[in-house]
Every structure is written in structure tokens, then in C-alpha cells.
PDB file of N, CA and C in Angstrom:
ATOM      1  N   UNK A   1       0.755  -1.305  -0.009  1.00  0.00           N
ATOM      2  CA  UNK A   1       0.002  -0.068   0.153  1.00  0.00           C
ATOM      3  C   UNK A   1       0.712   1.321  -0.084  1.00  0.00           C
ATOM      4  N   UNK A   2       0.747   2.183  -0.988  1.00  0.00           N
ATOM      5  CA  UNK A   2       1.402   3.392  -0.937  1.00  0.00           C
ATOM      6  C   UNK A   2       1.213   4.302   0.103  1.00  0.00           C
ATOM      7  N   UNK A   3       2.254   5.043   0.513  1.00  0.00           N
ATOM      8  CA  UNK A   3       2.030   6.082   1.686  1.00  0.00           C
ATOM      9  C   UNK A   3       1.011   6.881   1.354  1.00  0.00           C
ATOM     10  N   UNK A   4       0.059   7.164   2.416  1.00  0.00           N
ATOM     11  CA  UNK A   4      -1.250   8.064   2.312  1.00  0.00           C
ATOM     12  C   UNK A   4      -0.855   9.204   3.091  1.00  0.00           C
ATOM     13  N   UNK A   5      -1.461  10.430   2.686  1.00  0.00           N
ATOM     14  CA  UNK A   5      -1.253  11.636   3.529  1.00  0.00           C
ATOM     15  C   UNK A   5      -2.385  11.413   4.851  1.00  0.00           C
ATOM     16  N   UNK A   6      -3.293  11.081   4.776  1.00  0.00           N
ATOM     17  CA  UNK A   6      -4.264  10.864   5.755  1.00  0.00           C
ATOM     18  C   UNK A   6      -4.740   9.316   5.900  1.00  0.00           C
ATOM     19  N   UNK A   7      -4.941   8.921   7.180  1.00  0.00           N
ATOM     20  CA  UNK A   7      -5.437   7.484   7.417  1.00  0.00           C
ATOM     21  C   UNK A   7      -6.694   7.706   8.313  1.00  0.00           C
ATOM     22  N   UNK A   8      -7.807   7.055   7.960  1.00  0.00           N
ATOM     23  CA  UNK A   8      -8.799   7.267   8.825  1.00  0.00           C
ATOM     24  C   UNK A   8      -9.215   6.074   9.604  1.00  0.00           C
ATOM     25  N   UNK A   9      -9.158   6.226  10.830  1.00  0.00           N
ATOM     26  CA  UNK A   9      -9.278   5.091  11.781  1.00  0.00           C
ATOM     27  C   UNK A   9     -10.721   4.963  12.459  1.00  0.00           C
ATOM     28  N   UNK A  10     -11.425   4.052  12.180  1.00  0.00           N
ATOM     29  CA  UNK A  10     -12.603   3.717  12.755  1.00  0.00           C
ATOM     30  C   UNK A  10     -12.638   2.788  14.098  1.00  0.00           C
ATOM     31  N   UNK A  11     -13.162   3.261  15.227  1.00  0.00           N
ATOM     32  CA  UNK A  11     -12.950   2.310  16.314  1.00  0.00           C
ATOM     33  C   UNK A  11     -14.513   2.164  16.974  1.00  0.00           C
ATOM     34  N   UNK A  12     -14.808   1.045  17.314  1.00  0.00           N
ATOM     35  CA  UNK A  12     -16.044   0.676  18.175  1.00  0.00           C
ATOM     36  C   UNK A  12     -15.452   0.382  19.764  1.00  0.00           C
ATOM     37  N   UNK A  13     -15.875   1.319  20.588  1.00  0.00           N
ATOM     38  CA  UNK A  13     -15.283   1.143  21.806  1.00  0.00           C
ATOM     39  C   UNK A  13     -16.448   0.832  23.012  1.00  0.00           C
ATOM     40  N   UNK A  14     -16.633  -0.639  22.916  1.00  0.00           N
ATOM     41  CA  UNK A  14     -17.408  -0.946  23.927  1.00  0.00           C
ATOM     42  C   UNK A  14     -16.571  -1.112  25.285  1.00  0.00           C
ATOM     43  N   UNK A  15     -17.146  -1.704  26.276  1.00  0.00           N
ATOM     44  CA  UNK A  15     -16.450  -1.498  27.646  1.00  0.00           C
ATOM     45  C   UNK A  15     -15.153  -2.575  27.741  1.00  0.00           C
ATOM     46  N   UNK A  16     -15.390  -3.725  27.308  1.00  0.00           N
ATOM     47  CA  UNK A  16     -14.335  -4.815  27.227  1.00  0.00           C
ATOM     48  C   UNK A  16     -13.125  -4.965  26.031  1.00  0.00           C
ATOM     49  N   UNK A  17     -13.590  -4.671  24.950  1.00  0.00           N
ATOM     50  CA  UNK A  17     -12.581  -4.543  24.059  1.00  0.00           C
ATOM     51  C   UNK A  17     -13.076  -3.619  22.793  1.00  0.00           C
ATOM     52  N   UNK A  18     -11.898  -3.284  21.970  1.00  0.00           N
ATOM     53  CA  UNK A  18     -12.140  -2.299  20.756  1.00  0.00           C
ATOM     54  C   UNK A  18     -11.853  -3.193  19.631  1.00  0.00           C
ATOM     55  N   UNK A  19     -12.813  -2.707  18.531  1.00  0.00           N
ATOM     56  CA  UNK A  19     -12.574  -3.161  17.145  1.00  0.00           C
ATOM     57  C   UNK A  19     -12.031  -2.046  16.324  1.00  0.00           C
ATOM     58  N   UNK A  20     -11.058  -2.372  15.434  1.00  0.00           N
ATOM     59  CA  UNK A  20     -10.375  -1.157  14.498  1.00  0.00           C
ATOM     60  C   UNK A  20     -10.221  -1.657  13.286  1.00  0.00           C
ATOM     61  N   UNK A  21     -10.513  -0.472  12.408  1.00  0.00           N
ATOM     62  CA  UNK A  21     -10.449  -0.703  11.060  1.00  0.00           C
ATOM     63  C   UNK A  21      -9.886   0.724  10.547  1.00  0.00           C
ATOM     64  N   UNK A  22      -9.415   0.599   9.351  1.00  0.00           N
ATOM     65  CA  UNK A  22      -8.904   1.711   8.811  1.00  0.00           C
ATOM     66  C   UNK A  22      -8.954   2.019   7.235  1.00  0.00           C
ATOM     67  N   UNK A  23      -8.858   3.081   6.699  1.00  0.00           N
ATOM     68  CA  UNK A  23      -8.761   3.304   5.409  1.00  0.00           C
ATOM     69  C   UNK A  23      -8.115   4.399   4.878  1.00  0.00           C
ATOM     70  N   UNK A  24      -7.356   4.370   3.890  1.00  0.00           N
ATOM     71  CA  UNK A  24      -6.546   5.649   3.410  1.00  0.00           C
ATOM     72  C   UNK A  24      -7.528   6.642   2.728  1.00  0.00           C
ATOM     73  N   UNK A  25      -6.859   7.618   2.484  1.00  0.00           N
ATOM     74  CA  UNK A  25      -7.622   8.836   2.035  1.00  0.00           C
ATOM     75  C   UNK A  25      -7.891   8.675   0.615  1.00  0.00           C
ATOM     76  N   UNK A  26      -7.331   7.738  -0.309  1.00  0.00           N
ATOM     77  CA  UNK A  26      -7.322   7.468  -1.684  1.00  0.00           C
ATOM     78  C   UNK A  26      -8.801   7.100  -1.986  1.00  0.00           C
ATOM     79  N   UNK A  27      -9.541   7.377  -3.158  1.00  0.00           N
ATOM     80  CA  UNK A  27     -10.691   7.040  -3.416  1.00  0.00           C
ATOM     81  C   UNK A  27     -10.990   5.599  -3.595  1.00  0.00           C
ATOM     82  N   UNK A  28     -10.185   4.644  -3.993  1.00  0.00           N
ATOM     83  CA  UNK A  28     -10.422   3.399  -4.283  1.00  0.00           C
ATOM     84  C   UNK A  28      -9.779   2.517  -3.138  1.00  0.00           C
ATOM     85  N   UNK A  29      -9.177   3.008  -2.062  1.00  0.00           N
ATOM     86  CA  UNK A  29      -8.662   2.167  -1.321  1.00  0.00           C
ATOM     87  C   UNK A  29      -9.579   1.448  -0.438  1.00  0.00           C
ATOM     88  N   UNK A  30      -9.001   0.195  -0.260  1.00  0.00           N
ATOM     89  CA  UNK A  30      -9.930  -0.872   0.662  1.00  0.00           C
ATOM     90  C   UNK A  30      -9.795  -0.421   2.054  1.00  0.00           C
ATOM     91  N   UNK A  31     -11.003  -0.905   2.834  1.00  0.00           N
ATOM     92  CA  UNK A  31     -10.960  -0.759   4.309  1.00  0.00           C
ATOM     93  C   UNK A  31     -10.409  -1.807   4.854  1.00  0.00           C
ATOM     94  N   UNK A  32      -9.597  -1.858   5.613  1.00  0.00           N
ATOM     95  CA  UNK A  32      -8.898  -2.926   6.425  1.00  0.00           C
ATOM     96  C   UNK A  32      -9.256  -3.049   7.690  1.00  0.00           C
ATOM     97  N   UNK A  33      -9.581  -4.233   8.208  1.00  0.00           N
ATOM     98  CA  UNK A  33     -10.147  -4.408   9.514  1.00  0.00           C
ATOM     99  C   UNK A  33      -8.810  -4.958  10.151  1.00  0.00           C
ATOM    100  N   UNK A  34      -8.429  -4.364  11.300  1.00  0.00           N
ATOM    101  CA  UNK A  34      -7.314  -4.841  12.204  1.00  0.00           C
ATOM    102  C   UNK A  34      -7.495  -5.933  13.103  1.00  0.00           C
ATOM    103  N   UNK A  35      -8.746  -5.929  13.557  1.00  0.00           N
ATOM    104  CA  UNK A  35      -9.255  -6.964  14.584  1.00  0.00           C
ATOM    105  C   UNK A  35      -9.655  -6.319  16.004  1.00  0.00           C
ATOM    106  N   UNK A  36      -9.867  -7.010  17.031  1.00  0.00           N
ATOM    107  CA  UNK A  36     -10.239  -6.681  18.229  1.00  0.00           C
ATOM    108  C   UNK A  36      -9.107  -6.616  19.346  1.00  0.00           C
ATOM    109  N   UNK A  37      -9.059  -5.639  20.061  1.00  0.00           N
ATOM    110  CA  UNK A  37      -7.750  -5.429  20.900  1.00  0.00           C
ATOM    111  C   UNK A  37      -8.513  -4.879  22.381  1.00  0.00           C
ATOM    112  N   UNK A  38      -7.545  -4.591  23.221  1.00  0.00           N
ATOM    113  CA  UNK A  38      -7.837  -4.192  24.451  1.00  0.00           C
ATOM    114  C   UNK A  38      -8.260  -2.851  24.419  1.00  0.00           C
ATOM    115  N   UNK A  39      -8.506  -2.300  25.600  1.00  0.00           N
ATOM    116  CA  UNK A  39      -9.018  -0.907  25.771  1.00  0.00           C
ATOM    117  C   UNK A  39      -7.842  -0.064  26.206  1.00  0.00           C
ATOM    118  N   UNK A  40      -6.902  -0.371  26.723  1.00  0.00           N
ATOM    119  CA  UNK A  40      -6.072   0.581  27.442  1.00  0.00           C
ATOM    120  C   UNK A  40      -5.077   1.165  26.393  1.00  0.00           C
ATOM    121  N   UNK A  41      -4.688   2.532  26.649  1.00  0.00           N
ATOM    122  CA  UNK A  41      -3.768   3.101  25.741  1.00  0.00           C
ATOM    123  C   UNK A  41      -2.581   2.728  25.121  1.00  0.00           C
ATOM    124  N   UNK A  42      -2.196   1.489  25.844  1.00  0.00           N
ATOM    125  CA  UNK A  42      -0.921   0.964  25.315  1.00  0.00           C
ATOM    126  C   UNK A  42      -1.423  -0.112  24.273  1.00  0.00           C
ATOM    127  N   UNK A  43      -2.456  -0.755  24.476  1.00  0.00           N
ATOM    128  CA  UNK A  43      -2.915  -1.720  23.297  1.00  0.00           C
ATOM    129  C   UNK A  43      -3.168  -0.871  22.183  1.00  0.00           C
ATOM    130  N   UNK A  44      -3.680   0.369  22.166  1.00  0.00           N
ATOM    131  CA  UNK A  44      -4.078   1.018  21.115  1.00  0.00           C
ATOM    132  C   UNK A  44      -2.686   1.485  20.220  1.00  0.00           C
ATOM    133  N   UNK A  45      -1.790   2.029  21.062  1.00  0.00           N
ATOM    134  CA  UNK A  45      -0.673   2.352  20.452  1.00  0.00           C
ATOM    135  C   UNK A  45       0.061   1.096  19.831  1.00  0.00           C
ATOM    136  N   UNK A  46       0.186   0.000  20.447  1.00  0.00           N
ATOM    137  CA  UNK A  46       0.830  -1.196  19.901  1.00  0.00           C
ATOM    138  C   UNK A  46       0.202  -1.303  18.392  1.00  0.00           C
ATOM    139  N   UNK A  47      -1.023  -1.476  18.349  1.00  0.00           N
ATOM    140  CA  UNK A  47      -2.049  -1.795  17.111  1.00  0.00           C
ATOM    141  C   UNK A  47      -1.518  -0.797  16.202  1.00  0.00           C
ATOM    142  N   UNK A  48      -1.602   0.423  16.428  1.00  0.00           N
ATOM    143  CA  UNK A  48      -1.084   1.713  15.411  1.00  0.00           C
ATOM    144  C   UNK A  48       0.292   1.364  15.107  1.00  0.00           C
ATOM    145  N   UNK A  49       1.152   0.906  15.664  1.00  0.00           N
ATOM    146  CA  UNK A  49       2.397   0.818  15.311  1.00  0.00           C
ATOM    147  C   UNK A  49       2.749  -0.262  14.126  1.00  0.00           C
ATOM    148  N   UNK A  50       1.713  -1.254  14.278  1.00  0.00           N
ATOM    149  CA  UNK A  50       1.732  -2.378  13.338  1.00  0.00           C
ATOM    150  C   UNK A  50       0.905  -2.161  12.004  1.00  0.00           C
ATOM    151  N   UNK A  51       0.589  -0.983  11.922  1.00  0.00           N
ATOM    152  CA  UNK A  51      -0.322  -0.798  10.546  1.00  0.00           C
ATOM    153  C   UNK A  51       0.670  -0.669   9.349  1.00  0.00           C
ATOM    154  N   UNK A  52       0.267  -1.051   8.309  1.00  0.00           N
ATOM    155  CA  UNK A  52       1.156  -1.080   7.241  1.00  0.00           C
ATOM    156  C   UNK A  52       1.604   0.163   6.565  1.00  0.00           C
ATOM    157  N   UNK A  53       0.769   1.117   6.896  1.00  0.00           N
ATOM    158  CA  UNK A  53       1.022   2.576   6.176  1.00  0.00           C
ATOM    159  C   UNK A  53       1.419   3.580   7.292  1.00  0.00           C
ATOM    160  N   UNK A  54       2.469   4.197   7.163  1.00  0.00           N
ATOM    161  CA  UNK A  54       2.825   5.062   8.033  1.00  0.00           C
ATOM    162  C   UNK A  54       2.570   6.517   7.689  1.00  0.00           C
ATOM    163  N   UNK A  55       1.103   6.909   7.917  1.00  0.00           N
ATOM    164  CA  UNK A  55       0.848   8.369   7.330  1.00  0.00           C
ATOM    165  C   UNK A  55       1.108   9.457   8.452  1.00  0.00           C
ATOM    166  N   UNK A  56       1.275  10.357   7.756  1.00  0.00           N
ATOM    167  CA  UNK A  56       1.672  11.595   8.362  1.00  0.00           C
ATOM    168  C   UNK A  56       0.368  12.119   9.422  1.00  0.00           C
ATOM    169  N   UNK A  57      -0.742  11.904   8.966  1.00  0.00           N
ATOM    170  CA  UNK A  57      -2.066  12.517   9.660  1.00  0.00           C
ATOM    171  C   UNK A  57      -2.871  11.194   9.979  1.00  0.00           C
ATOM    172  N   UNK A  58      -3.180  11.145  11.106  1.00  0.00           N
ATOM    173  CA  UNK A  58      -4.275  10.086  11.648  1.00  0.00           C
ATOM    174  C   UNK A  58      -5.471  10.820  12.050  1.00  0.00           C
ATOM    175  N   UNK A  59      -6.638  10.366  11.738  1.00  0.00           N
ATOM    176  CA  UNK A  59      -7.993  10.902  12.208  1.00  0.00           C
ATOM    177  C   UNK A  59      -8.627   9.560  12.546  1.00  0.00           C
ATOM    178  N   UNK A  60      -8.806   9.620  13.987  1.00  0.00           N
ATOM    179  CA  UNK A  60      -9.541   8.767  14.701  1.00  0.00           C
ATOM    180  C   UNK A  60     -11.028   9.021  14.797  1.00  0.00           C
ATOM    181  N   UNK A  61     -12.006   7.979  14.537  1.00  0.00           N
ATOM    182  CA  UNK A  61     -13.522   8.256  14.923  1.00  0.00           C
ATOM    183  C   UNK A  61     -14.173   7.125  15.607  1.00  0.00           C
ATOM    184  N   UNK A  62     -15.095   7.620  16.560  1.00  0.00           N
ATOM    185  CA  UNK A  62     -15.636   6.636  17.379  1.00  0.00           C
ATOM    186  C   UNK A  62     -17.161   6.849  17.749  1.00  0.00           C
ATOM    187  N   UNK A  63     -18.064   6.153  18.113  1.00  0.00           N
ATOM    188  CA  UNK A  63     -19.192   6.533  18.521  1.00  0.00           C
ATOM    189  C   UNK A  63     -19.402   7.083  19.855  1.00  0.00           C
ATOM    190  N   UNK A  64     -19.845   8.316  20.243  1.00  0.00           N
ATOM    191  CA  UNK A  64     -19.643   8.871  21.342  1.00  0.00           C
ATOM    192  C   UNK A  64     -20.491   8.241  22.335  1.00  0.00           C
ATOM    193  N   UNK A  65     -19.833   7.751  23.473  1.00  0.00           N
ATOM    194  CA  UNK A  65     -20.465   7.142  24.532  1.00  0.00           C
ATOM    195  C   UNK A  65     -19.761   7.207  25.624  1.00  0.00           C
ATOM    196  N   UNK A  66     -20.002   6.474  26.824  1.00  0.00           N
ATOM    197  CA  UNK A  66     -19.238   6.587  27.989  1.00  0.00           C
ATOM    198  C   UNK A  66     -17.646   6.041  28.048  1.00  0.00           C
ATOM    199  N   UNK A  67     -17.599   5.059  26.992  1.00  0.00           N
ATOM    200  CA  UNK A  67     -16.290   4.309  27.042  1.00  0.00           C
ATOM    201  C   UNK A  67     -15.319   5.315  26.025  1.00  0.00           C
ATOM    202  N   UNK A  68     -15.818   6.018  25.218  1.00  0.00           N
ATOM    203  CA  UNK A  68     -14.877   6.719  24.221  1.00  0.00           C
ATOM    204  C   UNK A  68     -14.371   7.993  24.756  1.00  0.00           C
ATOM    205  N   UNK A  69     -14.516   8.525  25.735  1.00  0.00           N
ATOM    206  CA  UNK A  69     -14.133   9.800  26.339  1.00  0.00           C
ATOM    207  C   UNK A  69     -12.378   9.653  26.710  1.00  0.00           C
ATOM    208  N   UNK A  70     -12.056   8.458  27.161  1.00  0.00           N
ATOM    209  CA  UNK A  70     -10.701   8.153  27.459  1.00  0.00           C
ATOM    210  C   UNK A  70     -10.063   8.374  26.252  1.00  0.00           C
ATOM    211  N   UNK A  71     -10.516   7.520  25.254  1.00  0.00           N
ATOM    212  CA  UNK A  71      -9.655   7.378  24.080  1.00  0.00           C
ATOM    213  C   UNK A  71      -9.525   8.857  23.300  1.00  0.00           C
ATOM    214  N   UNK A  72     -10.544   9.721  23.627  1.00  0.00           N
ATOM    215  CA  UNK A  72     -10.552  11.103  22.933  1.00  0.00           C
ATOM    216  C   UNK A  72      -9.498  11.924  23.705  1.00  0.00           C
ATOM    217  N   UNK A  73      -9.487  11.713  24.862  1.00  0.00           N
ATOM    218  CA  UNK A  73      -8.313  12.479  25.698  1.00  0.00           C
ATOM    219  C   UNK A  73      -6.959  12.099  25.291  1.00  0.00           C
ATOM    220  N   UNK A  74      -6.903  10.878  25.475  1.00  0.00           N
ATOM    221  CA  UNK A  74      -5.519  10.232  25.063  1.00  0.00           C
ATOM    222  C   UNK A  74      -5.190  10.521  23.635  1.00  0.00           C
ATOM    223  N   UNK A  75      -5.813  10.416  22.565  1.00  0.00           N
ATOM    224  CA  UNK A  75      -5.549  10.558  21.356  1.00  0.00           C
ATOM    225  C   UNK A  75      -5.423  12.138  21.087  1.00  0.00           C
ATOM    226  N   UNK A  76      -6.017  12.997  21.564  1.00  0.00           N
ATOM    227  CA  UNK A  76      -5.760  14.502  21.245  1.00  0.00           C
ATOM    228  C   UNK A  76      -4.472  14.924  22.239  1.00  0.00           C
ATOM    229  N   UNK A  77      -4.087  14.299  23.312  1.00  0.00           N
ATOM    230  CA  UNK A  77      -2.859  14.616  23.766  1.00  0.00           C
ATOM    231  C   UNK A  77      -1.615  14.155  23.094  1.00  0.00           C
ATOM    232  N   UNK A  78      -1.914  12.975  22.145  1.00  0.00           N
ATOM    233  CA  UNK A  78      -0.778  12.433  21.270  1.00  0.00           C
ATOM    234  C   UNK A  78      -0.662  13.332  20.157  1.00  0.00           C
ATOM    235  N   UNK A  79      -1.694  14.325  19.862  1.00  0.00           N
ATOM    236  CA  UNK A  79      -1.498  15.181  18.602  1.00  0.00           C
ATOM    237  C   UNK A  79      -2.156  14.550  17.554  1.00  0.00           C
ATOM    238  N   UNK A  80      -3.165  13.612  17.802  1.00  0.00           N
ATOM    239  CA  UNK A  80      -3.930  13.227  16.566  1.00  0.00           C
ATOM    240  C   UNK A  80      -5.317  13.898  16.776  1.00  0.00           C
ATOM    241  N   UNK A  81      -5.933  13.831  15.385  1.00  0.00           N
ATOM    242  CA  UNK A  81      -7.461  14.192  15.476  1.00  0.00           C
ATOM    243  C   UNK A  81      -8.298  13.338  15.824  1.00  0.00           C
ATOM    244  N   UNK A  82      -9.376  13.445  16.602  1.00  0.00           N
ATOM    245  CA  UNK A  82     -10.072  12.417  17.288  1.00  0.00           C
ATOM    246  C   UNK A  82     -11.512  12.935  17.069  1.00  0.00           C
ATOM    247  N   UNK A  83     -12.385  12.565  16.549  1.00  0.00           N
ATOM    248  CA  UNK A  83     -13.921  12.722  16.435  1.00  0.00           C
ATOM    249  C   UNK A  83     -14.724  11.642  17.097  1.00  0.00           C
ATOM    250  N   UNK A  84     -15.698  12.352  17.834  1.00  0.00           N
ATOM    251  CA  UNK A  84     -16.682  11.564  18.577  1.00  0.00           C
ATOM    252  C   UNK A  84     -18.026  11.815  17.746  1.00  0.00           C
ATOM    253  N   UNK A  85     -18.660  10.705  17.571  1.00  0.00           N
ATOM    254  CA  UNK A  85     -19.807  11.050  16.606  1.00  0.00           C
ATOM    255  C   UNK A  85     -21.296  10.265  17.269  1.00  0.00           C
ATOM    256  N   UNK A  86     -22.143  11.181  17.394  1.00  0.00           N
ATOM    257  CA  UNK A  86     -23.391  10.626  18.188  1.00  0.00           C
ATOM    258  C   UNK A  86     -24.113   9.615  17.306  1.00  0.00           C
ATOM    259  N   UNK A  87     -24.274   8.559  17.904  1.00  0.00           N
ATOM    260  CA  UNK A  87     -24.858   7.427  17.157  1.00  0.00           C
ATOM    261  C   UNK A  87     -26.051   7.794  16.348  1.00  0.00           C
ATOM    262  N   UNK A  88     -27.020   8.655  16.623  1.00  0.00           N
ATOM    263  CA  UNK A  88     -27.967   9.206  16.031  1.00  0.00           C
ATOM    264  C   UNK A  88     -27.735   9.827  14.747  1.00  0.00           C
ATOM    265  N   UNK A  89     -26.608  10.551  14.630  1.00  0.00           N
ATOM    266  CA  UNK A  89     -26.070  11.254  13.198  1.00  0.00           C
ATOM    267  C   UNK A  89     -25.298  10.351  12.351  1.00  0.00           C
ATOM    268  N   UNK A  90     -25.048   8.986  12.663  1.00  0.00           N
ATOM    269  CA  UNK A  90     -24.675   8.165  11.781  1.00  0.00           C
ATOM    270  C   UNK A  90     -25.375   7.547  10.829  1.00  0.00           C
ATOM    271  N   UNK A  91     -25.253   7.952   9.417  1.00  0.00           N
ATOM    272  CA  UNK A  91     -26.337   7.413   8.461  1.00  0.00           C
ATOM    273  C   UNK A  91     -26.301   5.976   8.432  1.00  0.00           C
ATOM    274  N   UNK A  92     -27.672   5.183   8.291  1.00  0.00           N
ATOM    275  CA  UNK A  92     -27.801   3.760   8.066  1.00  0.00           C
ATOM    276  C   UNK A  92     -28.671   3.655   7.200  1.00  0.00           C
ATOM    277  N   UNK A  93     -28.564   2.467   6.356  1.00  0.00           N
ATOM    278  CA  UNK A  93     -29.413   2.072   5.421  1.00  0.00           C
ATOM    279  C   UNK A  93     -30.968   1.601   6.095  1.00  0.00           C
ATOM    280  N   UNK A  94     -31.899   1.801   5.329  1.00  0.00           N
ATOM    281  CA  UNK A  94     -33.184   1.196   5.912  1.00  0.00           C
ATOM    282  C   UNK A  94     -33.552   0.099   6.694  1.00  0.00           C
ATOM    283  N   UNK A  95     -33.070  -1.043   6.147  1.00  0.00           N
ATOM    284  CA  UNK A  95     -33.442  -2.237   6.916  1.00  0.00           C
ATOM    285  C   UNK A  95     -31.902  -2.703   7.561  1.00  0.00           C
ATOM    286  N   UNK A  96     -31.115  -1.994   7.666  1.00  0.00           N
ATOM    287  CA  UNK A  96     -29.786  -2.554   8.379  1.00  0.00           C
ATOM    288  C   UNK A  96     -29.860  -2.269   9.713  1.00  0.00           C
ATOM    289  N   UNK A  97     -30.237  -3.472  10.346  1.00  0.00           N
ATOM    290  CA  UNK A  97     -30.277  -3.461  12.011  1.00  0.00           C
ATOM    291  C   UNK A  97     -29.316  -4.213  12.849  1.00  0.00           C
ATOM    292  N   UNK A  98     -28.675  -5.126  11.955  1.00  0.00           N
ATOM    293  CA  UNK A  98     -27.582  -5.954  12.691  1.00  0.00           C
ATOM    294  C   UNK A  98     -26.299  -5.107  12.900  1.00  0.00           C
ATOM    295  N   UNK A  99     -26.073  -4.874  13.926  1.00  0.00           N
ATOM    296  CA  UNK A  99     -24.860  -4.224  14.263  1.00  0.00           C
ATOM    297  C   UNK A  99     -23.748  -5.124  14.991  1.00  0.00           C
ATOM    298  N   UNK A 100     -22.562  -5.125  14.611  1.00  0.00           N
ATOM    299  CA  UNK A 100     -21.381  -5.769  15.293  1.00  0.00           C
ATOM    300  C   UNK A 100     -20.278  -4.912  15.288  1.00  0.00           C
ATOM    301  N   UNK A 101     -19.441  -5.214  16.201  1.00  0.00           N
ATOM    302  CA  UNK A 101     -18.244  -4.213  16.434  1.00  0.00           C
ATOM    303  C   UNK A 101     -17.510  -4.154  15.078  1.00  0.00           C
ATOM    304  N   UNK A 102     -17.172  -5.377  14.493  1.00  0.00           N
ATOM    305  CA  UNK A 102     -16.508  -5.248  13.296  1.00  0.00           C
ATOM    306  C   UNK A 102     -17.153  -4.283  12.149  1.00  0.00           C
ATOM    307  N   UNK A 103     -18.495  -4.540  11.936  1.00  0.00           N
ATOM    308  CA  UNK A 103     -19.275  -3.883  11.175  1.00  0.00           C
ATOM    309  C   UNK A 103     -19.135  -2.269  11.292  1.00  0.00           C
ATOM    310  N   UNK A 104     -19.289  -2.212  12.678  1.00  0.00           N
ATOM    311  CA  UNK A 104     -19.512  -0.520  12.922  1.00  0.00           C
ATOM    312  C   UNK A 104     -17.942   0.157  12.762  1.00  0.00           C
ATOM    313  N   UNK A 105     -16.896  -0.425  13.143  1.00  0.00           N
ATOM    314  CA  UNK A 105     -15.643   0.067  12.766  1.00  0.00           C
ATOM    315  C   UNK A 105     -15.423   0.443  11.555  1.00  0.00           C
ATOM    316  N   UNK A 106     -15.738  -0.610  10.598  1.00  0.00           N
ATOM    317  CA  UNK A 106     -15.548  -0.742   9.222  1.00  0.00           C
ATOM    318  C   UNK A 106     -16.143   0.714   8.520  1.00  0.00           C
ATOM    319  N   UNK A 107     -17.608   0.605   8.865  1.00  0.00           N
ATOM    320  CA  UNK A 107     -18.463   1.582   8.519  1.00  0.00           C
ATOM    321  C   UNK A 107     -18.098   3.071   8.955  1.00  0.00           C
ATOM    322  N   UNK A 108     -17.544   3.215  10.119  1.00  0.00           N
ATOM    323  CA  UNK A 108     -17.181   4.655  10.411  1.00  0.00           C
ATOM    324  C   UNK A 108     -16.034   5.131   9.771  1.00  0.00           C
ATOM    325  N   UNK A 109     -14.985   4.332   9.426  1.00  0.00           N
ATOM    326  CA  UNK A 109     -13.937   4.415   8.790  1.00  0.00           C
ATOM    327  C   UNK A 109     -14.305   4.851   7.427  1.00  0.00           C
ATOM    328  N   UNK A 110     -15.156   4.265   6.759  1.00  0.00           N
ATOM    329  CA  UNK A 110     -15.618   4.454   5.480  1.00  0.00           C
ATOM    330  C   UNK A 110     -16.496   5.636   5.351  1.00  0.00           C
ATOM    331  N   UNK A 111     -17.215   5.994   6.331  1.00  0.00           N
ATOM    332  CA  UNK A 111     -18.113   7.334   6.339  1.00  0.00           C
ATOM    333  C   UNK A 111     -17.196   8.441   6.714  1.00  0.00           C
ATOM    334  N   UNK A 112     -16.050   8.356   7.614  1.00  0.00           N
ATOM    335  CA  UNK A 112     -15.209   9.393   7.498  1.00  0.00           C
ATOM    336  C   UNK A 112     -14.517   9.967   6.572  1.00  0.00           C
ATOM    337  N   UNK A 113     -14.055   8.831   5.462  1.00  0.00           N
ATOM    338  CA  UNK A 113     -13.379   9.195   4.707  1.00  0.00           C
ATOM    339  C   UNK A 113     -14.362   9.917   3.587  1.00  0.00           C
ATOM    340  N   UNK A 114     -15.520   9.563   3.511  1.00  0.00           N
ATOM    341  CA  UNK A 114     -16.457  10.263   2.649  1.00  0.00           C
ATOM    342  C   UNK A 114     -16.735  11.602   3.033  1.00  0.00           C
ATOM    343  N   UNK A 115     -16.833  11.914   4.285  1.00  0.00           N
ATOM    344  CA  UNK A 115     -17.277  13.252   5.026  1.00  0.00           C
ATOM    345  C   UNK A 115     -18.529  13.085   5.317  1.00  0.00           C
ATOM    346  N   UNK A 116     -19.000  12.085   5.359  1.00  0.00           N
ATOM    347  CA  UNK A 116     -20.654  11.898   5.901  1.00  0.00           C
ATOM    348  C   UNK A 116     -20.846  12.105   7.403  1.00  0.00           C
ATOM    349  N   UNK A 117     -19.679  12.326   8.254  1.00  0.00           N
ATOM    350  CA  UNK A 117     -19.851  12.223   9.740  1.00  0.00           C
ATOM    351  C   UNK A 117     -19.588  13.658  10.180  1.00  0.00           C
ATOM    352  N   UNK A 118     -20.261  13.838  11.240  1.00  0.00           N
ATOM    353  CA  UNK A 118     -20.215  15.309  11.782  1.00  0.00           C
ATOM    354  C   UNK A 118     -19.859  15.130  13.325  1.00  0.00           C
ATOM    355  N   UNK A 119     -18.730  15.710  13.771  1.00  0.00           N
ATOM    356  CA  UNK A 119     -18.327  15.512  15.221  1.00  0.00           C
ATOM    357  C   UNK A 119     -19.347  16.261  16.344  1.00  0.00           C
ATOM    358  N   UNK A 120     -19.517  15.420  17.410  1.00  0.00           N
ATOM    359  CA  UNK A 120     -20.078  16.216  18.565  1.00  0.00           C
ATOM    360  C   UNK A 120     -19.334  17.176  19.124  1.00  0.00           C
TER     361      UNK A 120
END
């Protein structure tokens, strides 16, 4: 994967583990799912270091909830952009009611790249 200027990272942050997916800024770039990980900051840092693309600008997006505020504070302290998005503002298809952590992380990375999300 060639180096991208921006990498969008979607995270579903429940209480016990986090699901992470990322996509590069290019139009036809594939969304890659990195898997589940712990919720501690050292777990997140370790997963980000293993990403194949070393981008200059990382943008994190997660659904705004009680488990995401620690992520927001830590990421902004590290100098990265971090967006919390209200679940009611995330566009969904009419019949799409099945949600899993993996699907949510992939969807948020894709929607962030397309500019369809607004931060809280």
C-alpha cells in the first residue's frame, strides 16, 4: 500500500474490547479490519505501530458514548485528530439493523473518509 497523507481509523469502543478498522484517503482504497484489541492506551498504541501505512495524519472516529472519552483525551494529547460521533447522526440503510463491532468500525472509517460524519 503506498503512503497516504491521511489515514482514517474507525473504532468501536465498548467496555471490554475495541474493534479497529482503517482506510486511506485515496478514493478506491480498501477498508482494512485490524481486529479486536484491549481498551488500554498501550494496546491502541501497539496496534497503530503495526499498521502497514505510516501516514503523517491520523484521524480517529468513534461513537460518542461513555467508553470513548478516555480514547478522545489520550489521542488528542498525542496530537491526533479524534472525532466522537453521536450514534443518531450516523447514516444507516433502511433495513440494516444488525450491528457488530467489526461492521461498526468498518462503517465509521468508510463514512469518515467520505465526509458523511459530523463530530459532537
